[in-house]
N, C-alpha and C. Protein backbone atom coordinates (compact mmCIF):
# COMPACT_ATOMS: atom_id res chain seq x y z
N MET A 1 35.06 -93.56 99.40
CA MET A 1 35.07 -92.84 99.72
C MET A 1 35.25 -91.76 98.74
N ASP A 2 34.99 -91.11 97.78
CA ASP A 2 35.86 -89.78 96.89
C ASP A 2 36.18 -88.46 97.68
N LYS A 3 37.15 -87.95 97.61
CA LYS A 3 37.33 -86.82 98.10
C LYS A 3 36.62 -86.10 96.99
N VAL A 4 35.85 -85.09 97.81
CA VAL A 4 35.18 -84.11 96.63
C VAL A 4 35.42 -82.75 96.72
N GLU A 5 36.27 -82.45 95.54
CA GLU A 5 36.78 -80.86 95.15
C GLU A 5 35.27 -79.71 95.51
N ARG A 6 35.69 -79.07 96.53
CA ARG A 6 35.14 -77.81 96.93
C ARG A 6 35.55 -76.44 96.99
N LYS A 7 35.05 -75.49 97.02
CA LYS A 7 34.78 -74.35 97.03
C LYS A 7 35.96 -73.88 98.56
N ARG A 8 36.74 -73.30 99.00
CA ARG A 8 37.51 -72.83 100.05
C ARG A 8 36.23 -71.64 100.45
N GLU A 9 35.39 -71.71 101.94
CA GLU A 9 34.04 -71.00 102.29
C GLU A 9 35.45 -69.62 102.93
N ARG A 10 34.45 -68.49 103.27
CA ARG A 10 35.11 -67.73 103.84
C ARG A 10 36.04 -67.74 104.36
N LEU A 11 35.89 -68.24 105.85
CA LEU A 11 36.19 -67.96 106.89
C LEU A 11 37.60 -69.03 106.73
N GLU A 12 37.45 -70.17 105.64
CA GLU A 12 38.65 -70.78 105.51
C GLU A 12 39.80 -69.94 104.74
N ILE A 13 39.29 -69.44 104.16
CA ILE A 13 39.79 -68.50 103.21
C ILE A 13 41.10 -67.06 104.11
N ILE A 14 40.18 -66.50 105.34
CA ILE A 14 40.78 -66.03 106.28
C ILE A 14 41.77 -66.80 106.42
N HIS A 15 41.53 -67.78 107.11
CA HIS A 15 42.51 -68.46 108.20
C HIS A 15 43.53 -69.01 107.31
N ASP A 16 43.39 -69.34 106.06
CA ASP A 16 44.31 -69.84 105.19
C ASP A 16 45.66 -68.47 105.22
N ILE A 17 44.80 -67.25 104.73
CA ILE A 17 46.10 -66.11 104.29
C ILE A 17 46.45 -65.96 105.74
N LEU A 18 46.20 -65.87 107.65
CA LEU A 18 46.42 -65.56 108.19
C LEU A 18 47.86 -66.75 108.50
N LYS A 19 47.07 -68.21 108.60
CA LYS A 19 48.27 -69.04 108.80
C LYS A 19 49.58 -68.90 107.74
N ILE A 20 49.28 -68.39 106.51
CA ILE A 20 50.56 -68.37 105.44
C ILE A 20 51.25 -67.07 106.40
N ILE A 21 51.01 -66.29 106.73
CA ILE A 21 51.85 -65.23 107.27
C ILE A 21 52.34 -65.58 108.51
N SER A 22 51.41 -65.99 109.42
CA SER A 22 52.22 -66.79 110.62
C SER A 22 53.05 -67.90 110.13
N ASN A 23 53.24 -68.92 109.17
CA ASN A 23 54.44 -69.95 108.55
C ASN A 23 55.53 -69.05 108.47
N ASN A 24 55.64 -68.28 107.73
CA ASN A 24 56.80 -67.35 107.46
C ASN A 24 57.05 -65.96 108.30
N ASN A 25 57.05 -66.90 109.72
CA ASN A 25 57.66 -65.73 110.76
C ASN A 25 57.13 -64.75 110.75
N ASN A 26 55.97 -64.79 110.62
CA ASN A 26 55.16 -63.46 110.73
C ASN A 26 55.16 -62.21 109.85
N SER A 27 55.83 -62.61 108.61
CA SER A 27 56.36 -61.47 108.38
C SER A 27 56.27 -61.96 106.73
N ILE A 28 55.93 -61.74 105.60
CA ILE A 28 55.53 -61.78 104.22
C ILE A 28 55.32 -60.21 103.71
N LYS A 29 55.84 -60.83 102.36
CA LYS A 29 55.31 -59.35 101.10
C LYS A 29 54.34 -59.64 101.14
N PRO A 30 53.36 -58.82 100.36
CA PRO A 30 52.07 -59.03 99.92
C PRO A 30 52.17 -59.70 98.20
N THR A 31 52.77 -59.64 97.62
CA THR A 31 52.69 -60.39 96.63
C THR A 31 53.19 -61.62 96.51
N PRO A 32 54.06 -62.13 97.27
CA PRO A 32 54.27 -63.72 97.72
C PRO A 32 53.08 -64.17 98.50
N LEU A 33 52.25 -63.15 99.78
CA LEU A 33 50.94 -63.85 100.22
C LEU A 33 50.14 -64.16 99.15
N LEU A 34 50.02 -62.90 97.81
CA LEU A 34 48.72 -63.48 96.87
C LEU A 34 49.03 -64.55 96.40
N ARG A 35 50.46 -64.89 96.45
CA ARG A 35 50.56 -66.36 95.25
C ARG A 35 50.36 -67.27 96.23
N TYR A 36 50.64 -67.23 97.22
CA TYR A 36 50.57 -68.56 98.10
C TYR A 36 49.01 -68.84 98.70
N SER A 37 48.27 -67.22 98.57
CA SER A 37 46.92 -67.68 98.85
C SER A 37 45.64 -68.44 97.79
N ASN A 38 46.72 -68.31 96.52
CA ASN A 38 45.58 -69.07 95.62
C ASN A 38 44.13 -68.55 95.19
N LEU A 39 44.28 -67.25 95.50
CA LEU A 39 43.32 -66.54 95.22
C LEU A 39 43.09 -65.73 93.77
N SER A 40 42.34 -64.44 93.07
CA SER A 40 42.55 -64.07 91.77
C SER A 40 42.57 -62.57 93.14
N SER A 41 43.56 -61.78 92.35
CA SER A 41 44.37 -60.26 92.66
C SER A 41 42.71 -59.85 93.10
N LYS A 42 42.09 -59.76 92.39
CA LYS A 42 40.30 -58.97 92.98
C LYS A 42 39.82 -59.59 94.32
N SER A 43 39.83 -61.13 94.31
CA SER A 43 39.21 -61.44 95.85
C SER A 43 40.62 -61.59 96.89
N PHE A 44 41.95 -61.40 96.59
CA PHE A 44 42.76 -61.28 97.68
C PHE A 44 42.79 -59.63 98.18
N ASN A 45 42.46 -58.92 97.11
CA ASN A 45 42.65 -57.62 97.66
C ASN A 45 41.54 -57.28 98.21
N ASP A 46 40.47 -57.86 97.81
CA ASP A 46 39.26 -57.72 98.80
C ASP A 46 39.19 -58.53 100.34
N TYR A 47 39.68 -59.14 100.32
CA TYR A 47 40.42 -60.48 101.81
C TYR A 47 41.16 -59.30 102.36
N TYR A 48 42.10 -58.91 101.84
CA TYR A 48 43.55 -58.15 102.45
C TYR A 48 42.79 -56.72 103.27
N LYS A 49 41.82 -55.93 102.52
CA LYS A 49 41.16 -55.02 103.20
C LYS A 49 40.47 -55.00 104.24
N GLU A 50 39.94 -56.56 104.28
CA GLU A 50 38.83 -56.47 105.42
C GLU A 50 39.43 -57.15 106.39
N LEU A 51 40.67 -57.95 106.29
CA LEU A 51 41.62 -58.36 106.96
C LEU A 51 42.42 -57.01 107.93
N LYS A 52 42.82 -56.30 106.95
CA LYS A 52 43.13 -54.82 107.99
C LYS A 52 42.11 -54.08 108.55
N ASP A 53 41.09 -53.66 108.08
CA ASP A 53 40.27 -53.12 108.29
C ASP A 53 39.81 -53.41 109.75
N LYS A 54 39.39 -54.95 110.01
CA LYS A 54 38.94 -55.70 111.04
C LYS A 54 40.52 -56.02 112.61
N ASN A 55 41.38 -55.33 111.78
CA ASN A 55 42.67 -55.41 112.50
C ASN A 55 43.43 -56.66 112.96
N LEU A 56 43.37 -57.63 112.05
CA LEU A 56 43.55 -58.86 111.92
C LEU A 56 45.31 -59.05 111.37
N VAL A 57 45.34 -58.21 110.32
CA VAL A 57 46.97 -57.80 109.90
C VAL A 57 47.43 -56.32 109.70
N LYS A 58 48.64 -56.31 109.57
CA LYS A 58 49.11 -54.82 109.38
C LYS A 58 49.66 -54.82 108.33
N GLU A 59 50.08 -53.89 107.68
CA GLU A 59 51.71 -53.33 107.13
C GLU A 59 52.58 -52.73 107.92
N ILE A 60 53.64 -53.15 107.51
CA ILE A 60 55.40 -52.48 107.96
C ILE A 60 55.96 -52.17 106.79
N VAL A 61 56.51 -50.91 107.01
CA VAL A 61 57.41 -50.70 106.08
C VAL A 61 58.97 -50.85 106.52
N ASP A 62 59.77 -51.38 105.78
CA ASP A 62 61.45 -50.92 106.51
C ASP A 62 61.79 -50.03 105.98
N GLU A 63 63.28 -49.81 106.58
CA GLU A 63 64.09 -48.59 106.06
C GLU A 63 64.52 -48.76 104.59
N LYS A 64 64.05 -49.77 104.00
CA LYS A 64 64.30 -49.38 102.54
C LYS A 64 63.22 -49.68 101.65
N GLU A 65 62.10 -49.08 102.35
CA GLU A 65 60.59 -49.12 101.84
C GLU A 65 60.18 -50.18 101.17
N ARG A 66 60.38 -51.39 101.68
CA ARG A 66 59.60 -52.72 101.38
C ARG A 66 58.75 -53.00 102.68
N LYS A 67 57.23 -53.59 102.10
CA LYS A 67 56.51 -53.69 102.74
C LYS A 67 56.45 -54.89 102.70
N TYR A 68 55.45 -54.91 104.27
CA TYR A 68 55.51 -56.19 104.80
C TYR A 68 54.50 -56.29 105.42
N VAL A 69 53.58 -57.99 105.52
CA VAL A 69 52.65 -57.90 106.18
C VAL A 69 52.59 -58.53 107.64
N THR A 70 52.21 -58.87 108.50
CA THR A 70 52.21 -59.30 109.76
C THR A 70 51.07 -59.69 110.36
N LEU A 71 50.91 -60.66 111.56
CA LEU A 71 50.03 -60.72 112.07
C LEU A 71 49.57 -59.72 113.45
N THR A 72 48.54 -59.29 113.93
CA THR A 72 48.27 -58.35 114.96
C THR A 72 47.84 -59.32 116.24
N ASP A 73 47.64 -58.90 117.61
CA ASP A 73 47.23 -60.20 118.46
C ASP A 73 46.22 -60.33 117.85
N ASN A 74 45.18 -59.40 117.53
CA ASN A 74 43.71 -60.23 116.67
C ASN A 74 43.95 -61.09 115.97
N GLY A 75 45.05 -61.32 115.13
CA GLY A 75 45.42 -61.93 114.14
C GLY A 75 45.55 -63.43 114.85
N PHE A 76 46.74 -63.71 115.54
CA PHE A 76 46.85 -64.54 116.42
C PHE A 76 45.74 -65.21 117.14
N GLU A 77 44.64 -64.59 117.78
CA GLU A 77 43.92 -65.16 118.72
C GLU A 77 42.51 -65.38 117.71
N PHE A 78 42.88 -65.25 116.26
CA PHE A 78 42.06 -66.07 115.28
C PHE A 78 41.81 -66.91 114.94
N LEU A 79 43.27 -66.97 114.84
CA LEU A 79 43.92 -68.52 114.41
C LEU A 79 43.83 -69.53 115.49
N GLU A 80 43.89 -69.29 116.54
CA GLU A 80 44.17 -69.86 117.82
C GLU A 80 42.21 -70.37 118.06
N LYS A 81 41.43 -69.48 118.33
CA LYS A 81 39.92 -69.99 117.97
C LYS A 81 39.65 -70.52 117.07
N TYR A 82 39.78 -69.65 115.80
CA TYR A 82 39.45 -71.21 114.25
C TYR A 82 39.79 -72.48 114.71
N ASN A 83 41.39 -72.80 115.16
CA ASN A 83 41.38 -74.29 115.57
C ASN A 83 40.90 -74.72 116.65
N TYR A 84 40.65 -74.11 117.67
CA TYR A 84 39.73 -75.08 118.71
C TYR A 84 38.18 -75.03 117.72
N ILE A 85 38.01 -74.39 117.48
CA ILE A 85 36.29 -74.41 116.66
C ILE A 85 36.42 -75.91 116.36
N LYS A 86 37.66 -75.81 114.90
CA LYS A 86 37.57 -76.76 113.99
C LYS A 86 38.12 -77.78 114.82
N GLY A 87 38.54 -78.10 116.02
CA GLY A 87 39.01 -79.39 116.16
C GLY A 87 37.71 -79.86 117.06
N PHE A 88 37.31 -78.74 117.79
CA PHE A 88 35.50 -79.16 118.37
C PHE A 88 34.65 -79.71 117.20
N ILE A 89 34.47 -78.84 115.71
CA ILE A 89 33.74 -79.95 115.31
C ILE A 89 34.15 -81.37 114.71
N GLU A 90 35.37 -81.56 114.38
CA GLU A 90 35.96 -82.86 113.96
C GLU A 90 35.61 -83.87 115.01
N GLU A 91 35.79 -82.87 116.53
CA GLU A 91 35.54 -84.36 117.60
C GLU A 91 34.53 -84.78 117.59
N PHE A 92 33.22 -83.99 117.45
CA PHE A 92 32.05 -84.59 117.05
C PHE A 92 31.69 -85.11 115.51
N ASN A 93 32.75 -85.21 115.11
CA ASN A 93 32.43 -85.61 113.32
C ASN A 93 31.42 -84.97 112.57
N LEU A 94 31.14 -83.83 112.63
CA LEU A 94 30.33 -83.03 112.14
C LEU A 94 31.08 -82.61 110.53
């Protein structure tokens, strides 16, 4: 069976953004995060705003005024539960 190309769904995109942050020692600048997320600037900004509004990520500004994005406890919990649900779905071949 050929692998079918498909668009990522909303929850997958949220998971991917949070995973990128997590995989970068929970600290990444917004521009590399945008690049790694593989989204348009507009789409990224919409998701980024939603993630901040839902307290899944937060911005930290260091002493040199550089902005970094980190996961909140809620962000880590989302990743944990997402992976649990994904594992459950795969277990039943759904």
